[in-house]
Amino acid sequence: MADNSKHASCGGCGGKCKETMKSGIAANNPVLTQAIGVCSVLAVTTKLENSLVMGIAVIVTTSLSCLFMSLLRTITPPRIRMIVEIAIIAVFVICFDQILKAVYWDMSKQLGPYVGLIITNCIVMGRLEAFALQNPPLLSFVDGLSNGIGYALILAVVGFVRELLGSGTLFGVAVLPASVYQTNLLFVLAPGAFFTMGLLIWIINALKPKTAEASH
């Protein structure tokens, strides 16, 4: 009875939903821990708004792709497995891209080809290969959702720092007046993205040992 109630409480995830969610967001964050999907982090984070939209795109694509790949895992022939994965990812990426063009044309122009490049994003393909092919649909959806959220959070942090320090704005609104703060072009350019990412990874790694010691 105890096992059944635990299974039911997590909606068929076998008690692994919370653990899977935490893993993708923090413990095994795809950018900070696995250092994958970094290219788009460096490319689209000049503005916080761009970062948030790109993060939403990855969350939607990763979670739904994992769900559908898990549903099809038992009927997909191994020799065409990767073709099916790319086709599933492409469907959701194209749908998001078309919706973005219809609803938010200016943002679509700013992101340019980067939304389309989600199809080849290592995070999405990696979760399909490493998790969705071996786990039930709901748990796979949670895994894709958590990894997408983990990625989106890093995008948001980097975008926040780069726009604030590089342009003195947030969401295009000036928050650091020119009389108070001299904008730093370094954070607008590519080196600023590398610097911000490196600093963020260093901070996270510096805090991890302290957390481990505190838990003991």
C-alpha atoms as a PDB file:
ATOM      1  CA  MET A   1       0.000   0.000   0.000  1.00  0.00           C
ATOM      2  CA  ALA A   2       2.813   2.389   0.910  1.00  0.00           C
ATOM      3  CA  ASP A   3       4.489   1.901  -2.454  1.00  0.00           C
ATOM      4  CA  ASN A   4       1.221   2.448  -4.316  1.00  0.00           C
ATOM      5  CA  SER A   5       0.426   5.642  -2.432  1.00  0.00           C
ATOM      6  CA  LYS A   6       3.912   6.985  -3.086  1.00  0.00           C
ATOM      7  CA  HIS A   7       3.565   6.178  -6.772  1.00  0.00           C
ATOM      8  CA  ALA A   8       0.164   7.859  -6.947  1.00  0.00           C
ATOM      9  CA  SER A   9       1.310  10.940  -5.047  1.00  0.00           C
ATOM     10  CA  CYS A  10       3.887  11.633  -7.757  1.00  0.00           C
ATOM     11  CA  GLY A  11       1.504  11.030 -10.621  1.00  0.00           C
ATOM     12  CA  GLY A  12       3.116   7.855 -11.885  1.00  0.00           C
ATOM     13  CA  CYS A  13       6.713   8.994 -11.498  1.00  0.00           C
ATOM     14  CA  GLY A  14       7.498   6.302  -8.950  1.00  0.00           C
ATOM     15  CA  GLY A  15       8.481   8.898  -6.337  1.00  0.00           C
ATOM     16  CA  LYS A  16      11.186  10.405  -8.555  1.00  0.00           C
ATOM     17  CA  CYS A  17       9.497  13.636  -9.675  1.00  0.00           C
ATOM     18  CA  LYS A  18      10.954  15.890  -6.983  1.00  0.00           C
ATOM     19  CA  GLU A  19      14.416  14.360  -7.268  1.00  0.00           C
ATOM     20  CA  THR A  20      14.366  14.698 -11.059  1.00  0.00           C
ATOM     21  CA  MET A  21      13.206  18.301 -10.872  1.00  0.00           C
ATOM     22  CA  LYS A  22      15.950  19.273  -8.416  1.00  0.00           C
ATOM     23  CA  SER A  23      18.589  17.503 -10.470  1.00  0.00           C
ATOM     24  CA  GLY A  24      17.884  19.390 -13.687  1.00  0.00           C
ATOM     25  CA  ILE A  25      17.596  22.795 -12.042  1.00  0.00           C
ATOM     26  CA  ALA A  26      20.497  22.624  -9.590  1.00  0.00           C
ATOM     27  CA  ALA A  27      22.554  19.470  -9.022  1.00  0.00           C
ATOM     28  CA  ASN A  28      23.053  18.654 -12.709  1.00  0.00           C
ATOM     29  CA  ASN A  29      22.291  22.020 -14.255  1.00  0.00           C
ATOM     30  CA  PRO A  30      23.084  21.575 -17.964  1.00  0.00           C
ATOM     31  CA  VAL A  31      25.078  24.801 -18.260  1.00  0.00           C
ATOM     32  CA  LEU A  32      26.822  25.085 -14.891  1.00  0.00           C
ATOM     33  CA  THR A  33      27.551  21.410 -14.247  1.00  0.00           C
ATOM     34  CA  GLN A  34      27.657  19.803 -17.674  1.00  0.00           C
ATOM     35  CA  ALA A  35      28.823  22.881 -19.629  1.00  0.00           C
ATOM     36  CA  ILE A  36      26.509  22.179 -22.589  1.00  0.00           C
ATOM     37  CA  GLY A  37      24.284  24.591 -24.494  1.00  0.00           C
ATOM     38  CA  VAL A  38      26.794  27.358 -23.768  1.00  0.00           C
ATOM     39  CA  CYS A  39      26.857  28.792 -27.317  1.00  0.00           C
ATOM     40  CA  SER A  40      23.326  30.160 -27.164  1.00  0.00           C
ATOM     41  CA  VAL A  41      23.953  31.460 -23.633  1.00  0.00           C
ATOM     42  CA  LEU A  42      26.768  33.591 -25.006  1.00  0.00           C
ATOM     43  CA  ALA A  43      24.843  34.650 -28.113  1.00  0.00           C
ATOM     44  CA  VAL A  44      21.425  35.828 -26.889  1.00  0.00           C
ATOM     45  CA  THR A  45      22.107  37.247 -23.424  1.00  0.00           C
ATOM     46  CA  THR A  46      22.889  40.842 -24.396  1.00  0.00           C
ATOM     47  CA  LYS A  47      19.409  41.722 -23.109  1.00  0.00           C
ATOM     48  CA  LEU A  48      17.356  40.218 -20.282  1.00  0.00           C
ATOM     49  CA  GLU A  49      14.204  40.144 -22.426  1.00  0.00           C
ATOM     50  CA  ASN A  50      15.957  38.112 -25.120  1.00  0.00           C
ATOM     51  CA  SER A  51      17.234  35.717 -22.479  1.00  0.00           C
ATOM     52  CA  LEU A  52      13.777  35.118 -21.031  1.00  0.00           C
ATOM     53  CA  VAL A  53      12.167  34.450 -24.416  1.00  0.00           C
ATOM     54  CA  MET A  54      14.959  32.059 -25.402  1.00  0.00           C
ATOM     55  CA  GLY A  55      14.623  30.340 -22.025  1.00  0.00           C
ATOM     56  CA  ILE A  56      10.900  29.823 -22.557  1.00  0.00           C
ATOM     57  CA  ALA A  57      11.604  28.379 -26.000  1.00  0.00           C
ATOM     58  CA  VAL A  58      14.021  25.822 -24.544  1.00  0.00           C
ATOM     59  CA  ILE A  59      11.680  24.914 -21.664  1.00  0.00           C
ATOM     60  CA  VAL A  60       8.782  24.259 -24.061  1.00  0.00           C
ATOM     61  CA  THR A  61      10.908  22.358 -26.565  1.00  0.00           C
ATOM     62  CA  THR A  62      12.796  20.206 -24.056  1.00  0.00           C
ATOM     63  CA  SER A  63       9.812  19.212 -21.928  1.00  0.00           C
ATOM     64  CA  LEU A  64       7.463  18.384 -24.819  1.00  0.00           C
ATOM     65  CA  SER A  65      10.169  16.639 -26.867  1.00  0.00           C
ATOM     66  CA  CYS A  66      11.050  14.425 -23.898  1.00  0.00           C
ATOM     67  CA  LEU A  67       7.380  13.609 -23.359  1.00  0.00           C
ATOM     68  CA  PHE A  68       6.730  12.569 -26.964  1.00  0.00           C
ATOM     69  CA  MET A  69      10.024  10.706 -27.352  1.00  0.00           C
ATOM     70  CA  SER A  70       9.199   8.695 -24.245  1.00  0.00           C
ATOM     71  CA  LEU A  71       5.749   7.911 -25.636  1.00  0.00           C
ATOM     72  CA  LEU A  72       7.329   6.658 -28.874  1.00  0.00           C
ATOM     73  CA  ARG A  73      10.361   4.927 -27.359  1.00  0.00           C
ATOM     74  CA  THR A  74       8.958   1.395 -27.530  1.00  0.00           C
ATOM     75  CA  ILE A  75       7.889   1.631 -31.180  1.00  0.00           C
ATOM     76  CA  THR A  76      10.867   3.546 -32.587  1.00  0.00           C
ATOM     77  CA  PRO A  77      13.353   1.334 -34.474  1.00  0.00           C
ATOM     78  CA  PRO A  78      16.888   1.842 -33.100  1.00  0.00           C
ATOM     79  CA  ARG A  79      18.395   2.584 -36.501  1.00  0.00           C
ATOM     80  CA  ILE A  80      16.200   5.674 -37.024  1.00  0.00           C
ATOM     81  CA  ARG A  81      16.137   6.755 -33.376  1.00  0.00           C
ATOM     82  CA  MET A  82      18.087   9.994 -33.856  1.00  0.00           C
ATOM     83  CA  ILE A  83      16.098  10.937 -36.958  1.00  0.00           C
ATOM     84  CA  VAL A  84      12.883  10.623 -34.942  1.00  0.00           C
ATOM     85  CA  GLU A  85      14.377  12.685 -32.112  1.00  0.00           C
ATOM     86  CA  ILE A  86      15.414  15.506 -34.431  1.00  0.00           C
ATOM     87  CA  ALA A  87      12.013  15.436 -36.156  1.00  0.00           C
ATOM     88  CA  ILE A  88      10.194  15.734 -32.814  1.00  0.00           C
ATOM     89  CA  ILE A  89      12.419  18.585 -31.652  1.00  0.00           C
ATOM     90  CA  ALA A  90      12.042  20.366 -34.998  1.00  0.00           C
ATOM     91  CA  VAL A  91       8.243  20.263 -34.783  1.00  0.00           C
ATOM     92  CA  PHE A  92       8.174  22.115 -31.452  1.00  0.00           C
ATOM     93  CA  VAL A  93      10.934  24.547 -32.422  1.00  0.00           C
ATOM     94  CA  ILE A  94       9.164  25.471 -35.669  1.00  0.00           C
ATOM     95  CA  CYS A  95       5.839  25.891 -33.851  1.00  0.00           C
ATOM     96  CA  PHE A  96       7.424  28.180 -31.244  1.00  0.00           C
ATOM     97  CA  ASP A  97       9.244  30.147 -33.948  1.00  0.00           C
ATOM     98  CA  GLN A  98       6.044  30.697 -35.934  1.00  0.00           C
ATOM     99  CA  ILE A  99       4.095  31.730 -32.825  1.00  0.00           C
ATOM    100  CA  LEU A 100       6.906  34.142 -31.890  1.00  0.00           C
ATOM    101  CA  LYS A 101       6.825  35.675 -35.372  1.00  0.00           C
ATOM    102  CA  ALA A 102       3.053  36.103 -35.180  1.00  0.00           C
ATOM    103  CA  VAL A 103       2.896  37.439 -31.621  1.00  0.00           C
ATOM    104  CA  TYR A 104       6.230  39.186 -31.081  1.00  0.00           C
ATOM    105  CA  TRP A 105       7.804  40.042 -34.427  1.00  0.00           C
ATOM    106  CA  ASP A 106      10.423  42.434 -33.016  1.00  0.00           C
ATOM    107  CA  MET A 107      11.769  39.754 -30.675  1.00  0.00           C
ATOM    108  CA  SER A 108      11.757  37.218 -33.489  1.00  0.00           C
ATOM    109  CA  LYS A 109      14.001  39.535 -35.517  1.00  0.00           C
ATOM    110  CA  GLN A 110      16.351  40.071 -32.576  1.00  0.00           C
ATOM    111  CA  LEU A 111      16.798  36.376 -31.845  1.00  0.00           C
ATOM    112  CA  GLY A 112      17.218  35.662 -35.549  1.00  0.00           C
ATOM    113  CA  PRO A 113      18.359  32.090 -36.248  1.00  0.00           C
ATOM    114  CA  TYR A 114      19.039  31.205 -32.613  1.00  0.00           C
ATOM    115  CA  VAL A 115      15.537  29.837 -32.012  1.00  0.00           C
ATOM    116  CA  GLY A 116      15.981  27.485 -34.978  1.00  0.00           C
ATOM    117  CA  LEU A 117      19.328  26.332 -33.607  1.00  0.00           C
ATOM    118  CA  ILE A 118      17.535  24.831 -30.593  1.00  0.00           C
ATOM    119  CA  ILE A 119      17.038  21.815 -32.879  1.00  0.00           C
ATOM    120  CA  THR A 120      20.748  21.038 -32.520  1.00  0.00           C
ATOM    121  CA  ASN A 121      21.042  22.147 -28.893  1.00  0.00           C
ATOM    122  CA  CYS A 122      23.004  19.549 -26.926  1.00  0.00           C
ATOM    123  CA  ILE A 123      20.711  19.913 -23.921  1.00  0.00           C
ATOM    124  CA  VAL A 124      17.598  18.824 -25.798  1.00  0.00           C
ATOM    125  CA  MET A 125      19.241  15.964 -27.673  1.00  0.00           C
ATOM    126  CA  GLY A 126      21.077  14.879 -24.543  1.00  0.00           C
ATOM    127  CA  ARG A 127      17.922  14.577 -22.435  1.00  0.00           C
ATOM    128  CA  LEU A 128      16.146  12.582 -25.139  1.00  0.00           C
ATOM    129  CA  GLU A 129      19.074  10.193 -25.467  1.00  0.00           C
ATOM    130  CA  ALA A 130      20.019   9.909 -21.806  1.00  0.00           C
ATOM    131  CA  PHE A 131      16.594  10.006 -20.147  1.00  0.00           C
ATOM    132  CA  ALA A 132      13.475   9.947 -22.332  1.00  0.00           C
ATOM    133  CA  LEU A 133      14.452   6.699 -24.077  1.00  0.00           C
ATOM    134  CA  GLN A 134      14.717   4.866 -20.745  1.00  0.00           C
ATOM    135  CA  ASN A 135      11.925   6.384 -18.644  1.00  0.00           C
ATOM    136  CA  PRO A 136       8.110   6.733 -18.645  1.00  0.00           C
ATOM    137  CA  PRO A 137       6.447   9.779 -20.252  1.00  0.00           C
ATOM    138  CA  LEU A 138       5.552  11.813 -17.159  1.00  0.00           C
ATOM    139  CA  LEU A 139       8.979  11.449 -15.590  1.00  0.00           C
ATOM    140  CA  SER A 140      10.597  12.301 -18.919  1.00  0.00           C
ATOM    141  CA  PHE A 141       8.445  15.424 -19.143  1.00  0.00           C
ATOM    142  CA  VAL A 142       9.576  16.458 -15.656  1.00  0.00           C
ATOM    143  CA  ASP A 143      13.204  15.850 -16.588  1.00  0.00           C
ATOM    144  CA  GLY A 144      12.900  17.957 -19.733  1.00  0.00           C
ATOM    145  CA  LEU A 145      11.068  20.665 -17.819  1.00  0.00           C
ATOM    146  CA  SER A 146      13.692  20.806 -15.059  1.00  0.00           C
ATOM    147  CA  ASN A 147      16.619  20.964 -17.475  1.00  0.00           C
ATOM    148  CA  GLY A 148      14.844  23.652 -19.471  1.00  0.00           C
ATOM    149  CA  ILE A 149      14.213  25.680 -16.318  1.00  0.00           C
ATOM    150  CA  GLY A 150      17.822  25.195 -15.220  1.00  0.00           C
ATOM    151  CA  TYR A 151      19.013  26.491 -18.583  1.00  0.00           C
ATOM    152  CA  ALA A 152      16.537  29.398 -18.563  1.00  0.00           C
ATOM    153  CA  LEU A 153      17.643  30.512 -15.095  1.00  0.00           C
ATOM    154  CA  ILE A 154      21.259  30.764 -16.233  1.00  0.00           C
ATOM    155  CA  LEU A 155      20.173  32.688 -19.331  1.00  0.00           C
ATOM    156  CA  ALA A 156      18.214  35.105 -17.126  1.00  0.00           C
ATOM    157  CA  VAL A 157      21.105  35.688 -14.711  1.00  0.00           C
ATOM    158  CA  VAL A 158      23.645  36.263 -17.483  1.00  0.00           C
ATOM    159  CA  GLY A 159      21.211  38.469 -19.414  1.00  0.00           C
ATOM    160  CA  PHE A 160      20.471  40.494 -16.273  1.00  0.00           C
ATOM    161  CA  VAL A 161      24.156  41.128 -15.540  1.00  0.00           C
ATOM    162  CA  ARG A 162      25.118  41.894 -19.148  1.00  0.00           C
ATOM    163  CA  GLU A 163      22.268  44.311 -19.832  1.00  0.00           C
ATOM    164  CA  LEU A 164      22.580  46.079 -16.482  1.00  0.00           C
ATOM    165  CA  LEU A 165      26.363  46.533 -16.574  1.00  0.00           C
ATOM    166  CA  GLY A 166      26.679  46.823 -20.348  1.00  0.00           C
ATOM    167  CA  SER A 167      23.826  49.216 -21.108  1.00  0.00           C
ATOM    168  CA  GLY A 168      22.598  50.410 -17.715  1.00  0.00           C
ATOM    169  CA  THR A 169      19.097  49.173 -18.576  1.00  0.00           C
ATOM    170  CA  LEU A 170      16.697  46.332 -17.799  1.00  0.00           C
ATOM    171  CA  PHE A 171      14.000  45.400 -20.318  1.00  0.00           C
ATOM    172  CA  GLY A 172      15.180  48.439 -22.270  1.00  0.00           C
ATOM    173  CA  VAL A 173      14.401  50.851 -19.416  1.00  0.00           C
ATOM    174  CA  ALA A 174      17.271  52.892 -17.973  1.00  0.00           C
ATOM    175  CA  VAL A 175      17.882  51.977 -14.325  1.00  0.00           C
ATOM    176  CA  LEU A 176      21.458  53.290 -14.003  1.00  0.00           C
ATOM    177  CA  PRO A 177      21.549  56.942 -15.113  1.00  0.00           C
ATOM    178  CA  ALA A 178      24.550  58.054 -17.164  1.00  0.00           C
ATOM    179  CA  SER A 179      25.365  60.593 -14.444  1.00  0.00           C
ATOM    180  CA  VAL A 180      25.810  57.763 -11.946  1.00  0.00           C
ATOM    181  CA  TYR A 181      27.125  54.852 -14.002  1.00  0.00           C
ATOM    182  CA  GLN A 182      29.385  54.735 -17.033  1.00  0.00           C
ATOM    183  CA  THR A 183      28.228  51.838 -19.224  1.00  0.00           C
ATOM    184  CA  ASN A 184      30.763  49.086 -19.879  1.00  0.00           C
ATOM    185  CA  LEU A 185      30.991  47.990 -23.510  1.00  0.00           C
ATOM    186  CA  LEU A 186      32.812  44.810 -22.439  1.00  0.00           C
ATOM    187  CA  PHE A 187      29.544  43.284 -21.195  1.00  0.00           C
ATOM    188  CA  VAL A 188      27.744  44.035 -24.448  1.00  0.00           C
ATOM    189  CA  LEU A 189      30.387  42.222 -26.493  1.00  0.00           C
ATOM    190  CA  ALA A 190      31.164  38.488 -26.538  1.00  0.00           C
ATOM    191  CA  PRO A 191      34.020  38.686 -23.952  1.00  0.00           C
ATOM    192  CA  GLY A 192      31.490  39.987 -21.421  1.00  0.00           C
ATOM    193  CA  ALA A 193      29.450  36.821 -21.841  1.00  0.00           C
ATOM    194  CA  PHE A 194      32.496  34.627 -21.234  1.00  0.00           C
ATOM    195  CA  PHE A 195      33.459  36.703 -18.198  1.00  0.00           C
ATOM    196  CA  THR A 196      29.950  36.571 -16.706  1.00  0.00           C
ATOM    197  CA  MET A 197      29.611  32.821 -17.302  1.00  0.00           C
ATOM    198  CA  GLY A 198      33.038  32.103 -15.836  1.00  0.00           C
ATOM    199  CA  LEU A 199      32.297  34.180 -12.761  1.00  0.00           C
ATOM    200  CA  LEU A 200      28.921  32.500 -12.274  1.00  0.00           C
ATOM    201  CA  ILE A 201      30.422  29.005 -12.540  1.00  0.00           C
ATOM    202  CA  TRP A 202      33.168  29.987 -10.083  1.00  0.00           C
ATOM    203  CA  ILE A 203      30.629  31.305  -7.553  1.00  0.00           C
ATOM    204  CA  ILE A 204      28.500  28.146  -7.779  1.00  0.00           C
ATOM    205  CA  ASN A 205      31.523  25.862  -7.402  1.00  0.00           C
ATOM    206  CA  ALA A 206      32.810  27.951  -4.483  1.00  0.00           C
ATOM    207  CA  LEU A 207      29.499  27.608  -2.664  1.00  0.00           C
ATOM    208  CA  LYS A 208      29.112  23.851  -3.191  1.00  0.00           C
ATOM    209  CA  PRO A 209      31.751  22.703  -0.632  1.00  0.00           C
ATOM    210  CA  LYS A 210      30.247  24.975   2.020  1.00  0.00           C
ATOM    211  CA  THR A 211      26.806  23.483   1.383  1.00  0.00           C
ATOM    212  CA  ALA A 212      28.203  19.988   1.687  1.00  0.00           C
ATOM    213  CA  GLU A 213      29.960  20.802   4.952  1.00  0.00           C
ATOM    214  CA  ALA A 214      26.828  22.410   6.359  1.00  0.00           C
ATOM    215  CA  SER A 215      24.784  19.300   5.581  1.00  0.00           C
ATOM    216  CA  HIS A 216      27.185  17.191   7.672  1.00  0.00           C
END
